[in-house]
């Protein structure tokens, strides 16, 4: 058994931690707590990273379209 360890925390939102007992990674967002095996947690990290990059690309694309539309209306 090892000591509990918090990998990341945003107050009033959630945290990612190791309880020190089961060898899993716990992801808590609000009242929801999901427990992952370490390999599955790393897959989740990859999934979130990819989705954040795609989200940013999409938002930038929308902003570009809006800026071009605004220029055309002037």
PDB file of N, CA and C in Angstrom:
ATOM      1  N   UNK A   1       0.844  -1.171   0.000  1.00  0.00           N
ATOM      2  CA  UNK A   1       0.000   0.000   0.000  1.00  0.00           C
ATOM      3  C   UNK A   1       0.898   1.246   0.000  1.00  0.00           C
ATOM      4  N   UNK A   2       0.557   2.214  -0.883  1.00  0.00           N
ATOM      5  CA  UNK A   2       1.336   3.451  -0.947  1.00  0.00           C
ATOM      6  C   UNK A   2       0.464   4.627  -0.496  1.00  0.00           C
ATOM      7  N   UNK A   3       1.081   5.784  -0.471  1.00  0.00           N
ATOM      8  CA  UNK A   3       0.364   6.995  -0.055  1.00  0.00           C
ATOM      9  C   UNK A   3      -0.545   7.485  -1.186  1.00  0.00           C
ATOM     10  N   UNK A   4      -1.694   8.057  -0.847  1.00  0.00           N
ATOM     11  CA  UNK A   4      -2.542   8.687  -1.872  1.00  0.00           C
ATOM     12  C   UNK A   4      -1.767   9.822  -2.541  1.00  0.00           C
ATOM     13  N   UNK A   5      -2.061  10.050  -3.821  1.00  0.00           N
ATOM     14  CA  UNK A   5      -1.365  11.096  -4.565  1.00  0.00           C
ATOM     15  C   UNK A   5      -2.347  11.756  -5.523  1.00  0.00           C
ATOM     16  N   UNK A   6      -2.415  13.082  -5.493  1.00  0.00           N
ATOM     17  CA  UNK A   6      -3.284  13.825  -6.411  1.00  0.00           C
ATOM     18  C   UNK A   6      -2.436  14.269  -7.599  1.00  0.00           C
ATOM     19  N   UNK A   7      -2.802  13.805  -8.799  1.00  0.00           N
ATOM     20  CA  UNK A   7      -2.087  14.171 -10.023  1.00  0.00           C
ATOM     21  C   UNK A   7      -2.494  15.557 -10.514  1.00  0.00           C
ATOM     22  N   UNK A   8      -3.769  15.886 -10.385  1.00  0.00           N
ATOM     23  CA  UNK A   8      -4.270  17.191 -10.827  1.00  0.00           C
ATOM     24  C   UNK A   8      -5.577  17.464 -10.108  1.00  0.00           C
ATOM     25  N   UNK A   9      -5.825  18.760  -9.879  1.00  0.00           N
ATOM     26  CA  UNK A   9      -7.070  19.130  -9.213  1.00  0.00           C
ATOM     27  C   UNK A   9      -7.461  20.541  -9.626  1.00  0.00           C
ATOM     28  N   UNK A  10      -8.747  20.706  -9.903  1.00  0.00           N
ATOM     29  CA  UNK A  10      -9.333  22.024 -10.131  1.00  0.00           C
ATOM     30  C   UNK A  10     -10.444  22.151  -9.097  1.00  0.00           C
ATOM     31  N   UNK A  11     -10.253  23.032  -8.102  1.00  0.00           N
ATOM     32  CA  UNK A  11     -11.264  23.170  -7.055  1.00  0.00           C
ATOM     33  C   UNK A  11     -12.656  23.440  -7.630  1.00  0.00           C
ATOM     34  N   UNK A  12     -13.629  22.838  -7.037  1.00  0.00           N
ATOM     35  CA  UNK A  12     -15.035  22.971  -7.418  1.00  0.00           C
ATOM     36  C   UNK A  12     -15.338  22.331  -8.781  1.00  0.00           C
ATOM     37  N   UNK A  13     -14.378  21.587  -9.352  1.00  0.00           N
ATOM     38  CA  UNK A  13     -14.623  20.902 -10.625  1.00  0.00           C
ATOM     39  C   UNK A  13     -14.287  19.421 -10.528  1.00  0.00           C
ATOM     40  N   UNK A  14     -13.036  19.099 -10.207  1.00  0.00           N
ATOM     41  CA  UNK A  14     -12.677  17.691 -10.127  1.00  0.00           C
ATOM     42  C   UNK A  14     -11.208  17.478  -9.865  1.00  0.00           C
ATOM     43  N   UNK A  15     -10.828  16.212  -9.877  1.00  0.00           N
ATOM     44  CA  UNK A  15      -9.427  15.859  -9.658  1.00  0.00           C
ATOM     45  C   UNK A  15      -9.131  14.491 -10.227  1.00  0.00           C
ATOM     46  N   UNK A  16      -7.847  14.240 -10.402  1.00  0.00           N
ATOM     47  CA  UNK A  16      -7.340  12.939 -10.844  1.00  0.00           C
ATOM     48  C   UNK A  16      -6.366  12.499  -9.759  1.00  0.00           C
ATOM     49  N   UNK A  17      -6.569  11.284  -9.248  1.00  0.00           N
ATOM     50  CA  UNK A  17      -5.741  10.868  -8.118  1.00  0.00           C
ATOM     51  C   UNK A  17      -5.547   9.358  -8.056  1.00  0.00           C
ATOM     52  N   UNK A  18      -4.551   8.977  -7.291  1.00  0.00           N
ATOM     53  CA  UNK A  18      -4.268   7.580  -6.946  1.00  0.00           C
ATOM     54  C   UNK A  18      -4.597   7.452  -5.471  1.00  0.00           C
ATOM     55  N   UNK A  19      -5.500   6.558  -5.143  1.00  0.00           N
ATOM     56  CA  UNK A  19      -5.928   6.411  -3.748  1.00  0.00           C
ATOM     57  C   UNK A  19      -4.853   5.766  -2.878  1.00  0.00           C
ATOM     58  N   UNK A  20      -3.863   5.154  -3.514  1.00  0.00           N
ATOM     59  CA  UNK A  20      -2.792   4.515  -2.763  1.00  0.00           C
ATOM     60  C   UNK A  20      -3.103   3.092  -2.350  1.00  0.00           C
ATOM     61  N   UNK A  21      -4.262   2.585  -2.745  1.00  0.00           N
ATOM     62  CA  UNK A  21      -4.653   1.243  -2.318  1.00  0.00           C
ATOM     63  C   UNK A  21      -4.846   0.257  -3.457  1.00  0.00           C
ATOM     64  N   UNK A  22      -5.503   0.677  -4.535  1.00  0.00           N
ATOM     65  CA  UNK A  22      -5.919  -0.296  -5.555  1.00  0.00           C
ATOM     66  C   UNK A  22      -5.052  -0.306  -6.820  1.00  0.00           C
ATOM     67  N   UNK A  23      -4.156   0.659  -6.972  1.00  0.00           N
ATOM     68  CA  UNK A  23      -3.299   0.700  -8.159  1.00  0.00           C
ATOM     69  C   UNK A  23      -3.962   1.305  -9.386  1.00  0.00           C
ATOM     70  N   UNK A  24      -5.154   1.836  -9.212  1.00  0.00           N
ATOM     71  CA  UNK A  24      -5.886   2.447 -10.324  1.00  0.00           C
ATOM     72  C   UNK A  24      -5.782   3.967 -10.253  1.00  0.00           C
ATOM     73  N   UNK A  25      -6.208   4.604 -11.322  1.00  0.00           N
ATOM     74  CA  UNK A  25      -6.275   6.059 -11.377  1.00  0.00           C
ATOM     75  C   UNK A  25      -7.751   6.439 -11.289  1.00  0.00           C
ATOM     76  N   UNK A  26      -8.065   7.334 -10.378  1.00  0.00           N
ATOM     77  CA  UNK A  26      -9.439   7.775 -10.169  1.00  0.00           C
ATOM     78  C   UNK A  26      -9.615   9.157 -10.783  1.00  0.00           C
ATOM     79  N   UNK A  27     -10.666   9.310 -11.578  1.00  0.00           N
ATOM     80  CA  UNK A  27     -11.001  10.595 -12.186  1.00  0.00           C
ATOM     81  C   UNK A  27     -12.345  11.012 -11.609  1.00  0.00           C
ATOM     82  N   UNK A  28     -12.340  12.130 -10.908  1.00  0.00           N
ATOM     83  CA  UNK A  28     -13.562  12.643 -10.287  1.00  0.00           C
ATOM     84  C   UNK A  28     -13.912  13.979 -10.927  1.00  0.00           C
ATOM     85  N   UNK A  29     -15.115  14.065 -11.488  1.00  0.00           N
ATOM     86  CA  UNK A  29     -15.642  15.313 -12.037  1.00  0.00           C
ATOM     87  C   UNK A  29     -17.004  15.523 -11.394  1.00  0.00           C
ATOM     88  N   UNK A  30     -17.088  16.577 -10.587  1.00  0.00           N
ATOM     89  CA  UNK A  30     -18.321  16.790  -9.831  1.00  0.00           C
ATOM     90  C   UNK A  30     -18.613  15.566  -8.984  1.00  0.00           C
ATOM     91  N   UNK A  31     -19.841  15.056  -9.038  1.00  0.00           N
ATOM     92  CA  UNK A  31     -20.190  13.905  -8.214  1.00  0.00           C
ATOM     93  C   UNK A  31     -19.816  12.552  -8.848  1.00  0.00           C
ATOM     94  N   UNK A  32     -19.256  12.588 -10.054  1.00  0.00           N
ATOM     95  CA  UNK A  32     -18.946  11.347 -10.776  1.00  0.00           C
ATOM     96  C   UNK A  32     -17.491  10.956 -10.538  1.00  0.00           C
ATOM     97  N   UNK A  33     -17.277   9.702 -10.161  1.00  0.00           N
ATOM     98  CA  UNK A  33     -15.937   9.186  -9.934  1.00  0.00           C
ATOM     99  C   UNK A  33     -15.773   7.925 -10.783  1.00  0.00           C
ATOM    100  N   UNK A  34     -14.804   7.947 -11.706  1.00  0.00           N
ATOM    101  CA  UNK A  34     -14.556   6.796 -12.581  1.00  0.00           C
ATOM    102  C   UNK A  34     -13.165   6.273 -12.277  1.00  0.00           C
ATOM    103  N   UNK A  35     -13.060   4.971 -12.132  1.00  0.00           N
ATOM    104  CA  UNK A  35     -11.795   4.326 -11.812  1.00  0.00           C
ATOM    105  C   UNK A  35     -11.252   3.634 -13.054  1.00  0.00           C
ATOM    106  N   UNK A  36      -9.980   3.910 -13.377  1.00  0.00           N
ATOM    107  CA  UNK A  36      -9.342   3.356 -14.573  1.00  0.00           C
ATOM    108  C   UNK A  36      -8.102   2.553 -14.208  1.00  0.00           C
ATOM    109  N   UNK A  37      -7.909   1.463 -14.917  1.00  0.00           N
ATOM    110  CA  UNK A  37      -6.610   0.808 -14.883  1.00  0.00           C
ATOM    111  C   UNK A  37      -5.624   1.786 -15.522  1.00  0.00           C
ATOM    112  N   UNK A  38      -4.343   1.757 -15.146  1.00  0.00           N
ATOM    113  CA  UNK A  38      -3.392   2.732 -15.692  1.00  0.00           C
ATOM    114  C   UNK A  38      -3.365   2.816 -17.226  1.00  0.00           C
ATOM    115  N   UNK A  39      -3.399   1.685 -17.915  1.00  0.00           N
ATOM    116  CA  UNK A  39      -3.390   1.721 -19.392  1.00  0.00           C
ATOM    117  C   UNK A  39      -4.652   2.387 -19.943  1.00  0.00           C
ATOM    118  N   UNK A  40      -5.786   2.098 -19.342  1.00  0.00           N
ATOM    119  CA  UNK A  40      -7.046   2.708 -19.787  1.00  0.00           C
ATOM    120  C   UNK A  40      -7.035   4.209 -19.506  1.00  0.00           C
ATOM    121  N   UNK A  41      -6.447   4.610 -18.388  1.00  0.00           N
ATOM    122  CA  UNK A  41      -6.346   6.031 -18.083  1.00  0.00           C
ATOM    123  C   UNK A  41      -5.510   6.745 -19.153  1.00  0.00           C
ATOM    124  N   UNK A  42      -4.408   6.143 -19.571  1.00  0.00           N
ATOM    125  CA  UNK A  42      -3.571   6.763 -20.600  1.00  0.00           C
ATOM    126  C   UNK A  42      -4.315   6.843 -21.932  1.00  0.00           C
ATOM    127  N   UNK A  43      -5.179   5.872 -22.225  1.00  0.00           N
ATOM    128  CA  UNK A  43      -6.020   5.954 -23.424  1.00  0.00           C
ATOM    129  C   UNK A  43      -7.002   7.116 -23.300  1.00  0.00           C
ATOM    130  N   UNK A  44      -7.553   7.307 -22.108  1.00  0.00           N
ATOM    131  CA  UNK A  44      -8.452   8.438 -21.874  1.00  0.00           C
ATOM    132  C   UNK A  44      -7.713   9.761 -22.093  1.00  0.00           C
ATOM    133  N   UNK A  45      -6.493   9.856 -21.590  1.00  0.00           N
ATOM    134  CA  UNK A  45      -5.690  11.064 -21.782  1.00  0.00           C
ATOM    135  C   UNK A  45      -5.509  11.336 -23.274  1.00  0.00           C
ATOM    136  N   UNK A  46      -5.194  10.309 -24.043  1.00  0.00           N
ATOM    137  CA  UNK A  46      -5.026  10.461 -25.485  1.00  0.00           C
ATOM    138  C   UNK A  46      -6.336  10.906 -26.140  1.00  0.00           C
ATOM    139  N   UNK A  47      -7.438  10.304 -25.732  1.00  0.00           N
ATOM    140  CA  UNK A  47      -8.755  10.666 -26.265  1.00  0.00           C
ATOM    141  C   UNK A  47      -9.074  12.140 -25.993  1.00  0.00           C
ATOM    142  N   UNK A  48      -8.857  12.578 -24.765  1.00  0.00           N
ATOM    143  CA  UNK A  48      -9.134  13.973 -24.400  1.00  0.00           C
ATOM    144  C   UNK A  48      -8.201  14.911 -25.152  1.00  0.00           C
ATOM    145  N   UNK A  49      -6.939  14.542 -25.274  1.00  0.00           N
ATOM    146  CA  UNK A  49      -5.973  15.371 -26.006  1.00  0.00           C
ATOM    147  C   UNK A  49      -6.411  15.534 -27.465  1.00  0.00           C
ATOM    148  N   UNK A  50      -6.785  14.444 -28.112  1.00  0.00           N
ATOM    149  CA  UNK A  50      -7.233  14.507 -29.502  1.00  0.00           C
ATOM    150  C   UNK A  50      -8.506  15.340 -29.642  1.00  0.00           C
ATOM    151  N   UNK A  51      -9.439  15.154 -28.728  1.00  0.00           N
ATOM    152  CA  UNK A  51     -10.692  15.902 -28.828  1.00  0.00           C
ATOM    153  C   UNK A  51     -10.455  17.392 -28.585  1.00  0.00           C
ATOM    154  N   UNK A  52      -9.557  17.738 -27.675  1.00  0.00           N
ATOM    155  CA  UNK A  52      -9.256  19.154 -27.420  1.00  0.00           C
ATOM    156  C   UNK A  52      -8.619  19.793 -28.649  1.00  0.00           C
ATOM    157  N   UNK A  53      -7.710  19.079 -29.310  1.00  0.00           N
ATOM    158  CA  UNK A  53      -7.082  19.606 -30.520  1.00  0.00           C
ATOM    159  C   UNK A  53      -8.122  19.797 -31.620  1.00  0.00           C
ATOM    160  N   UNK A  54      -9.006  18.834 -31.794  1.00  0.00           N
ATOM    161  CA  UNK A  54     -10.054  18.942 -32.813  1.00  0.00           C
ATOM    162  C   UNK A  54     -11.047  20.052 -32.475  1.00  0.00           C
ATOM    163  N   UNK A  55     -11.359  20.211 -31.208  1.00  0.00           N
ATOM    164  CA  UNK A  55     -12.248  21.280 -30.771  1.00  0.00           C
ATOM    165  C   UNK A  55     -11.632  22.638 -31.099  1.00  0.00           C
ATOM    166  N   UNK A  56     -10.359  22.791 -30.767  1.00  0.00           N
ATOM    167  CA  UNK A  56      -9.676  24.060 -31.039  1.00  0.00           C
ATOM    168  C   UNK A  56      -9.637  24.358 -32.538  1.00  0.00           C
ATOM    169  N   UNK A  57      -9.355  23.349 -33.346  1.00  0.00           N
ATOM    170  CA  UNK A  57      -9.335  23.529 -34.797  1.00  0.00           C
ATOM    171  C   UNK A  57     -10.710  23.950 -35.299  1.00  0.00           C
ATOM    172  N   UNK A  58     -11.744  23.318 -34.799  1.00  0.00           N
ATOM    173  CA  UNK A  58     -13.112  23.654 -35.228  1.00  0.00           C
ATOM    174  C   UNK A  58     -13.492  25.074 -34.825  1.00  0.00           C
ATOM    175  N   UNK A  59     -13.167  25.447 -33.603  1.00  0.00           N
ATOM    176  CA  UNK A  59     -13.476  26.796 -33.135  1.00  0.00           C
ATOM    177  C   UNK A  59     -12.714  27.824 -33.961  1.00  0.00           C
ATOM    178  N   UNK A  60     -11.451  27.577 -34.235  1.00  0.00           N
ATOM    179  CA  UNK A  60     -10.658  28.503 -35.047  1.00  0.00           C
ATOM    180  C   UNK A  60     -11.255  28.628 -36.444  1.00  0.00           C
ATOM    181  N   UNK A  61     -11.733  27.521 -36.980  1.00  0.00           N
ATOM    182  CA  UNK A  61     -12.385  27.546 -38.287  1.00  0.00           C
ATOM    183  C   UNK A  61     -13.649  28.384 -38.262  1.00  0.00           C
ATOM    184  N   UNK A  62     -14.436  28.240 -37.218  1.00  0.00           N
ATOM    185  CA  UNK A  62     -15.664  29.036 -37.087  1.00  0.00           C
ATOM    186  C   UNK A  62     -15.342  30.516 -36.961  1.00  0.00           C
ATOM    187  N   UNK A  63     -14.316  30.831 -36.164  1.00  0.00           N
ATOM    188  CA  UNK A  63     -13.933  32.227 -35.995  1.00  0.00           C
ATOM    189  C   UNK A  63     -13.455  32.814 -37.314  1.00  0.00           C
ATOM    190  N   UNK A  64     -12.739  32.014 -38.098  1.00  0.00           N
ATOM    191  CA  UNK A  64     -12.274  32.462 -39.402  1.00  0.00           C
ATOM    192  C   UNK A  64     -13.430  32.738 -40.344  1.00  0.00           C
ATOM    193  N   UNK A  65     -14.436  31.872 -40.337  1.00  0.00           N
ATOM    194  CA  UNK A  65     -15.618  32.053 -41.192  1.00  0.00           C
ATOM    195  C   UNK A  65     -16.370  33.308 -40.766  1.00  0.00           C
ATOM    196  N   UNK A  66     -16.532  33.510 -39.471  1.00  0.00           N
ATOM    197  CA  UNK A  66     -17.231  34.693 -38.976  1.00  0.00           C
ATOM    198  C   UNK A  66     -16.471  35.966 -39.332  1.00  0.00           C
ATOM    199  N   UNK A  67     -15.143  35.949 -39.229  1.00  0.00           N
ATOM    200  CA  UNK A  67     -14.340  37.121 -39.549  1.00  0.00           C
ATOM    201  C   UNK A  67     -14.452  37.440 -41.033  1.00  0.00           C
ATOM    202  N   UNK A  68     -14.414  36.414 -41.881  1.00  0.00           N
ATOM    203  CA  UNK A  68     -14.545  36.654 -43.336  1.00  0.00           C
ATOM    204  C   UNK A  68     -15.921  37.204 -43.673  1.00  0.00           C
ATOM    205  N   UNK A  69     -16.959  36.684 -43.037  1.00  0.00           N
ATOM    206  CA  UNK A  69     -18.324  37.166 -43.267  1.00  0.00           C
ATOM    207  C   UNK A  69     -18.457  38.618 -42.836  1.00  0.00           C
ATOM    208  N   UNK A  70     -17.836  38.962 -41.720  1.00  0.00           N
ATOM    209  CA  UNK A  70     -17.886  40.334 -41.235  1.00  0.00           C
ATOM    210  C   UNK A  70     -17.159  41.280 -42.195  1.00  0.00           C
ATOM    211  N   UNK A  71     -16.009  40.843 -42.728  1.00  0.00           N
ATOM    212  CA  UNK A  71     -15.270  41.657 -43.700  1.00  0.00           C
ATOM    213  C   UNK A  71     -16.093  41.882 -44.970  1.00  0.00           C
ATOM    214  N   UNK A  72     -16.804  40.846 -45.395  1.00  0.00           N
ATOM    215  CA  UNK A  72     -17.612  40.953 -46.615  1.00  0.00           C
ATOM    216  C   UNK A  72     -18.790  41.903 -46.409  1.00  0.00           C
ATOM    217  N   UNK A  73     -19.284  42.018 -45.185  1.00  0.00           N
ATOM    218  CA  UNK A  73     -20.428  42.880 -44.886  1.00  0.00           C
ATOM    219  C   UNK A  73     -20.040  44.337 -44.697  1.00  0.00           C
ATOM    220  N   UNK A  74     -18.752  44.621 -44.657  1.00  0.00           N
ATOM    221  CA  UNK A  74     -18.333  46.012 -44.437  1.00  0.00           C
ATOM    222  C   UNK A  74     -18.141  46.755 -45.703  1.00  0.00           C
TER     223      UNK A  74
END
